[in-house]
PDB file of N, CA and C in Angstrom:
ATOM      1  N   MET A   1      10.382  -5.863 -32.366  1.00  0.00           N
ATOM      2  CA  MET A   1       9.662  -4.735 -32.685  1.00  0.00           C
ATOM      3  C   MET A   1       9.517  -4.009 -31.289  1.00  0.00           C
ATOM      4  N   ILE A   2       9.492  -2.551 -31.222  1.00  0.00           N
ATOM      5  CA  ILE A   2       9.436  -1.798 -30.088  1.00  0.00           C
ATOM      6  C   ILE A   2       8.033  -1.648 -29.533  1.00  0.00           C
ATOM      7  N   ASP A   3       7.922  -1.882 -28.116  1.00  0.00           N
ATOM      8  CA  ASP A   3       6.462  -1.811 -27.698  1.00  0.00           C
ATOM      9  C   ASP A   3       6.488  -0.255 -27.104  1.00  0.00           C
ATOM     10  N   TRP A   4       5.739   0.519 -28.035  1.00  0.00           N
ATOM     11  CA  TRP A   4       5.573   1.961 -27.897  1.00  0.00           C
ATOM     12  C   TRP A   4       4.809   2.369 -26.713  1.00  0.00           C
ATOM     13  N   LEU A   5       3.942   1.448 -26.169  1.00  0.00           N
ATOM     14  CA  LEU A   5       3.071   1.852 -25.080  1.00  0.00           C
ATOM     15  C   LEU A   5       3.986   1.797 -23.793  1.00  0.00           C
ATOM     16  N   SER A   6       4.775   0.793 -23.716  1.00  0.00           N
ATOM     17  CA  SER A   6       5.798   0.676 -22.499  1.00  0.00           C
ATOM     18  C   SER A   6       6.778   1.683 -22.480  1.00  0.00           C
ATOM     19  N   PHE A   7       7.099   2.091 -23.645  1.00  0.00           N
ATOM     20  CA  PHE A   7       8.151   3.010 -23.741  1.00  0.00           C
ATOM     21  C   PHE A   7       7.458   4.300 -23.176  1.00  0.00           C
ATOM     22  N   LEU A   8       6.337   4.724 -23.628  1.00  0.00           N
ATOM     23  CA  LEU A   8       5.673   5.705 -23.271  1.00  0.00           C
ATOM     24  C   LEU A   8       5.411   5.900 -21.723  1.00  0.00           C
ATOM     25  N   THR A   9       4.958   4.806 -21.275  1.00  0.00           N
ATOM     26  CA  THR A   9       4.670   4.640 -19.702  1.00  0.00           C
ATOM     27  C   THR A   9       6.063   4.938 -19.048  1.00  0.00           C
ATOM     28  N   VAL A  10       7.201   4.415 -19.344  1.00  0.00           N
ATOM     29  CA  VAL A  10       8.445   4.663 -18.856  1.00  0.00           C
ATOM     30  C   VAL A  10       8.712   6.153 -19.011  1.00  0.00           C
ATOM     31  N   LEU A  11       8.422   6.623 -19.951  1.00  0.00           N
ATOM     32  CA  LEU A  11       8.649   8.115 -20.218  1.00  0.00           C
ATOM     33  C   LEU A  11       7.887   9.060 -19.250  1.00  0.00           C
ATOM     34  N   VAL A  12       6.697   8.871 -19.280  1.00  0.00           N
ATOM     35  CA  VAL A  12       5.758   9.570 -18.346  1.00  0.00           C
ATOM     36  C   VAL A  12       6.082   9.360 -16.855  1.00  0.00           C
ATOM     37  N   VAL A  13       6.313   8.105 -16.536  1.00  0.00           N
ATOM     38  CA  VAL A  13       6.574   7.849 -15.055  1.00  0.00           C
ATOM     39  C   VAL A  13       7.923   8.634 -14.714  1.00  0.00           C
ATOM     40  N   SER A  14       8.937   8.608 -15.518  1.00  0.00           N
ATOM     41  CA  SER A  14      10.147   9.214 -15.463  1.00  0.00           C
ATOM     42  C   SER A  14      10.021  10.530 -15.305  1.00  0.00           C
ATOM     43  N   ILE A  15       9.363  11.129 -16.054  1.00  0.00           N
ATOM     44  CA  ILE A  15       9.039  12.867 -15.843  1.00  0.00           C
ATOM     45  C   ILE A  15       8.392  13.280 -14.665  1.00  0.00           C
ATOM     46  N   VAL A  16       7.263  12.372 -14.232  1.00  0.00           N
ATOM     47  CA  VAL A  16       6.441  12.687 -13.172  1.00  0.00           C
ATOM     48  C   VAL A  16       7.289  12.591 -11.883  1.00  0.00           C
ATOM     49  N   SER A  17       8.199  11.332 -11.896  1.00  0.00           N
ATOM     50  CA  SER A  17       8.858  11.236 -10.653  1.00  0.00           C
ATOM     51  C   SER A  17       9.941  12.094 -10.457  1.00  0.00           C
ATOM     52  N   ALA A  18      10.627  12.720 -11.489  1.00  0.00           N
ATOM     53  CA  ALA A  18      11.559  13.589 -11.503  1.00  0.00           C
ATOM     54  C   ALA A  18      11.133  14.880 -11.128  1.00  0.00           C
ATOM     55  N   SER A  19       9.938  15.254 -11.631  1.00  0.00           N
ATOM     56  CA  SER A  19       9.464  16.574 -11.112  1.00  0.00           C
ATOM     57  C   SER A  19       8.895  16.593  -9.780  1.00  0.00           C
ATOM     58  N   LEU A  20       8.563  15.374  -9.281  1.00  0.00           N
ATOM     59  CA  LEU A  20       8.133  15.320  -8.040  1.00  0.00           C
ATOM     60  C   LEU A  20       9.306  15.492  -6.824  1.00  0.00           C
ATOM     61  N   ILE A  21      10.257  14.821  -7.377  1.00  0.00           N
ATOM     62  CA  ILE A  21      11.496  14.927  -6.388  1.00  0.00           C
ATOM     63  C   ILE A  21      11.973  16.351  -6.473  1.00  0.00           C
ATOM     64  N   VAL A  22      12.104  17.025  -7.431  1.00  0.00           N
ATOM     65  CA  VAL A  22      12.416  18.386  -7.526  1.00  0.00           C
ATOM     66  C   VAL A  22      11.496  19.493  -6.755  1.00  0.00           C
ATOM     67  N   LEU A  23      10.189  19.021  -6.892  1.00  0.00           N
ATOM     68  CA  LEU A  23       9.153  19.856  -6.111  1.00  0.00           C
ATOM     69  C   LEU A  23       9.368  19.641  -4.550  1.00  0.00           C
ATOM     70  N   LEU A  24       9.457  18.576  -4.233  1.00  0.00           N
ATOM     71  CA  LEU A  24       9.610  18.033  -2.641  1.00  0.00           C
ATOM     72  C   LEU A  24      11.017  18.804  -2.032  1.00  0.00           C
ATOM     73  N   PHE A  25      11.982  18.873  -2.964  1.00  0.00           N
ATOM     74  CA  PHE A  25      13.167  19.133  -2.617  1.00  0.00           C
ATOM     75  C   PHE A  25      13.127  20.654  -2.496  1.00  0.00           C
ATOM     76  N   SER A  26      12.621  21.401  -3.436  1.00  0.00           N
ATOM     77  CA  SER A  26      12.458  22.921  -3.414  1.00  0.00           C
ATOM     78  C   SER A  26      11.647  23.381  -2.399  1.00  0.00           C
ATOM     79  N   ILE A  27      10.320  22.675  -2.115  1.00  0.00           N
ATOM     80  CA  ILE A  27       9.508  23.039  -1.032  1.00  0.00           C
ATOM     81  C   ILE A  27      10.241  22.726   0.410  1.00  0.00           C
ATOM     82  N   GLY A  28      10.951  21.780   0.547  1.00  0.00           N
ATOM     83  CA  GLY A  28      11.833  21.508   1.766  1.00  0.00           C
ATOM     84  C   GLY A  28      12.770  22.795   2.110  1.00  0.00           C
ATOM     85  N   LEU A  29      13.361  23.174   1.083  1.00  0.00           N
ATOM     86  CA  LEU A  29      14.433  24.053   1.159  1.00  0.00           C
ATOM     87  C   LEU A  29      13.694  25.455   1.584  1.00  0.00           C
ATOM     88  N   ARG A  30      12.600  25.857   0.932  1.00  0.00           N
ATOM     89  CA  ARG A  30      11.795  27.017   1.254  1.00  0.00           C
ATOM     90  C   ARG A  30      11.297  26.910   2.828  1.00  0.00           C
ATOM     91  N   LEU A  31      10.818  25.734   3.086  1.00  0.00           N
ATOM     92  CA  LEU A  31      10.270  25.510   4.547  1.00  0.00           C
ATOM     93  C   LEU A  31      11.277  25.719   5.606  1.00  0.00           C
ATOM     94  N   VAL A  32      12.530  25.045   5.350  1.00  0.00           N
ATOM     95  CA  VAL A  32      13.475  24.921   6.307  1.00  0.00           C
ATOM     96  C   VAL A  32      14.155  26.425   6.543  1.00  0.00           C
ATOM     97  N   ALA A  33      14.219  27.212   5.441  1.00  0.00           N
ATOM     98  CA  ALA A  33      14.825  28.373   5.469  1.00  0.00           C
ATOM     99  C   ALA A  33      13.770  29.713   6.316  1.00  0.00           C
ATOM    100  N   ALA A  34      12.394  29.464   6.119  1.00  0.00           N
ATOM    101  CA  ALA A  34      11.539  30.188   6.786  1.00  0.00           C
ATOM    102  C   ALA A  34      11.436  30.270   8.125  1.00  0.00           C
ATOM    103  N   GLU A  35      10.902  31.181   8.746  1.00  0.00           N
ATOM    104  CA  GLU A  35      10.626  31.180  10.203  1.00  0.00           C
ATOM    105  C   GLU A  35       9.363  30.769  10.419  1.00  0.00           C
ATOM    106  N   GLY A  36       9.231  29.988  11.783  1.00  0.00           N
ATOM    107  CA  GLY A  36       7.781  29.489  12.049  1.00  0.00           C
ATOM    108  C   GLY A  36       8.191  28.218  12.799  1.00  0.00           C
ATOM    109  N   GLY A  37       7.212  27.917  13.881  1.00  0.00           N
ATOM    110  CA  GLY A  37       7.313  26.812  14.429  1.00  0.00           C
ATOM    111  C   GLY A  37       6.826  25.398  13.587  1.00  0.00           C
ATOM    112  N   TRP A  38       5.915  25.532  12.768  1.00  0.00           N
ATOM    113  CA  TRP A  38       5.549  24.228  12.249  1.00  0.00           C
ATOM    114  C   TRP A  38       6.336  24.167  10.704  1.00  0.00           C
ATOM    115  N   ARG A  39       7.051  24.971  10.286  1.00  0.00           N
ATOM    116  CA  ARG A  39       7.570  25.101   8.814  1.00  0.00           C
ATOM    117  C   ARG A  39       8.804  24.200   8.898  1.00  0.00           C
ATOM    118  N   ARG A  40       9.847  24.274   9.903  1.00  0.00           N
ATOM    119  CA  ARG A  40      10.924  23.424   9.913  1.00  0.00           C
ATOM    120  C   ARG A  40      10.624  21.866   9.939  1.00  0.00           C
ATOM    121  N   PRO A  41       9.828  21.485  10.722  1.00  0.00           N
ATOM    122  CA  PRO A  41       9.421  20.042  10.695  1.00  0.00           C
ATOM    123  C   PRO A  41       8.739  19.594   9.347  1.00  0.00           C
ATOM    124  N   MET A  42       8.211  20.416   8.871  1.00  0.00           N
ATOM    125  CA  MET A  42       7.302  20.217   7.518  1.00  0.00           C
ATOM    126  C   MET A  42       8.478  20.162   6.286  1.00  0.00           C
ATOM    127  N   GLY A  43       9.464  21.199   6.354  1.00  0.00           N
ATOM    128  CA  GLY A  43      10.605  21.132   5.494  1.00  0.00           C
ATOM    129  C   GLY A  43      11.522  19.814   5.606  1.00  0.00           C
ATOM    130  N   VAL A  44      11.703  19.229   6.859  1.00  0.00           N
ATOM    131  CA  VAL A  44      12.447  18.071   6.975  1.00  0.00           C
ATOM    132  C   VAL A  44      11.529  16.878   6.608  1.00  0.00           C
ATOM    133  N   THR A  45      10.198  16.937   6.685  1.00  0.00           N
ATOM    134  CA  THR A  45       9.547  15.811   6.239  1.00  0.00           C
ATOM    135  C   THR A  45       9.524  15.810   4.618  1.00  0.00           C
ATOM    136  N   ALA A  46       9.475  17.017   3.933  1.00  0.00           N
ATOM    137  CA  ALA A  46       9.691  16.986   2.531  1.00  0.00           C
ATOM    138  C   ALA A  46      11.027  16.452   1.981  1.00  0.00           C
ATOM    139  N   PHE A  47      11.954  16.682   2.824  1.00  0.00           N
ATOM    140  CA  PHE A  47      13.376  16.102   2.596  1.00  0.00           C
ATOM    141  C   PHE A  47      13.222  14.632   2.661  1.00  0.00           C
ATOM    142  N   VAL A  48      12.782  14.151   3.739  1.00  0.00           N
ATOM    143  CA  VAL A  48      12.406  12.763   4.113  1.00  0.00           C
ATOM    144  C   VAL A  48      11.873  12.182   2.977  1.00  0.00           C
ATOM    145  N   LEU A  49      10.756  12.545   2.358  1.00  0.00           N
ATOM    146  CA  LEU A  49       9.969  11.981   1.314  1.00  0.00           C
ATOM    147  C   LEU A  49      10.903  12.114   0.027  1.00  0.00           C
ATOM    148  N   CYS A  50      11.549  13.133  -0.109  1.00  0.00           N
ATOM    149  CA  CYS A  50      12.411  13.062  -1.425  1.00  0.00           C
ATOM    150  C   CYS A  50      13.274  11.946  -1.289  1.00  0.00           C
ATOM    151  N   GLY A  51      13.963  11.875   0.034  1.00  0.00           N
ATOM    152  CA  GLY A  51      15.026  10.517  -0.130  1.00  0.00           C
ATOM    153  C   GLY A  51      14.235   9.389  -0.141  1.00  0.00           C
ATOM    154  N   LEU A  52      13.077   9.069   0.392  1.00  0.00           N
ATOM    155  CA  LEU A  52      12.341   7.896   0.022  1.00  0.00           C
ATOM    156  C   LEU A  52      11.900   7.536  -1.291  1.00  0.00           C
ATOM    157  N   LEU A  53      11.625   8.446  -1.981  1.00  0.00           N
ATOM    158  CA  LEU A  53      11.404   8.509  -3.486  1.00  0.00           C
ATOM    159  C   LEU A  53      12.594   8.188  -4.206  1.00  0.00           C
ATOM    160  N   ILE A  54      13.566   8.525  -3.960  1.00  0.00           N
ATOM    161  CA  ILE A  54      14.837   8.280  -4.394  1.00  0.00           C
ATOM    162  C   ILE A  54      15.443   6.836  -4.486  1.00  0.00           C
ATOM    163  N   LEU A  55      15.281   6.387  -2.809  1.00  0.00           N
ATOM    164  CA  LEU A  55      15.481   5.065  -2.637  1.00  0.00           C
ATOM    165  C   LEU A  55      14.507   4.052  -3.177  1.00  0.00           C
ATOM    166  N   PHE A  56      13.318   4.529  -3.269  1.00  0.00           N
ATOM    167  CA  PHE A  56      12.391   3.657  -4.097  1.00  0.00           C
ATOM    168  C   PHE A  56      12.720   3.353  -5.729  1.00  0.00           C
ATOM    169  N   GLY A  57      13.004   4.486  -6.194  1.00  0.00           N
ATOM    170  CA  GLY A  57      13.798   4.394  -7.633  1.00  0.00           C
ATOM    171  C   GLY A  57      14.827   3.547  -7.800  1.00  0.00           C
ATOM    172  N   VAL A  58      15.833   3.499  -6.808  1.00  0.00           N
ATOM    173  CA  VAL A  58      17.082   2.736  -6.964  1.00  0.00           C
ATOM    174  C   VAL A  58      16.460   1.336  -6.638  1.00  0.00           C
ATOM    175  N   TYR A  59      15.503   1.192  -5.785  1.00  0.00           N
ATOM    176  CA  TYR A  59      15.103  -0.332  -5.479  1.00  0.00           C
ATOM    177  C   TYR A  59      14.366  -0.799  -6.700  1.00  0.00           C
ATOM    178  N   LEU A  60      13.782  -0.027  -7.549  1.00  0.00           N
ATOM    179  CA  LEU A  60      13.276  -0.483  -8.993  1.00  0.00           C
ATOM    180  C   LEU A  60      14.153  -0.738  -9.815  1.00  0.00           C
ATOM    181  N   ILE A  61      15.449  -0.090  -9.876  1.00  0.00           N
ATOM    182  CA  ILE A  61      16.253  -0.068 -10.932  1.00  0.00           C
ATOM    183  C   ILE A  61      17.178  -1.258 -10.671  1.00  0.00           C
ATOM    184  N   ILE A  62      17.703  -1.642  -9.419  1.00  0.00           N
ATOM    185  CA  ILE A  62      18.466  -2.792  -9.089  1.00  0.00           C
ATOM    186  C   ILE A  62      17.668  -4.103  -9.094  1.00  0.00           C
ATOM    187  N   PRO A  63      17.842  -5.005  -9.938  1.00  0.00           N
ATOM    188  CA  PRO A  63      16.953  -6.056  -9.878  1.00  0.00           C
ATOM    189  C   PRO A  63      17.287  -7.200  -8.802  1.00  0.00           C
ATOM    190  N   SER A  64      18.652  -7.327  -8.062  1.00  0.00           N
ATOM    191  CA  SER A  64      18.868  -7.982  -6.979  1.00  0.00           C
ATOM    192  C   SER A  64      18.363  -7.445  -5.807  1.00  0.00           C
ATOM    193  N   LEU A  65      17.550  -6.528  -5.681  1.00  0.00           N
ATOM    194  CA  LEU A  65      16.987  -6.007  -4.469  1.00  0.00           C
ATOM    195  C   LEU A  65      15.676  -6.494  -4.229  1.00  0.00           C
ATOM    196  N   HIS A  66      15.118  -7.012  -5.439  1.00  0.00           N
ATOM    197  CA  HIS A  66      13.619  -7.503  -5.198  1.00  0.00           C
ATOM    198  C   HIS A  66      13.521  -8.876  -5.992  1.00  0.00           C
TER     199      HIS A  66
END
């Protein structure tokens, strides 16, 4: 029998995390392209957070890593 609550949990987490990664990447692109002393470091920070989220997802997917 299918555990629908677990399926729904995976679906919601996947949609939220994918949206967050796309949002961080687009914010990073916008901030790096803009002029200003504080915008470039914030754009790089958004890229780093995006990369960390992707690495965390890979960590969760591959069972031999944990």
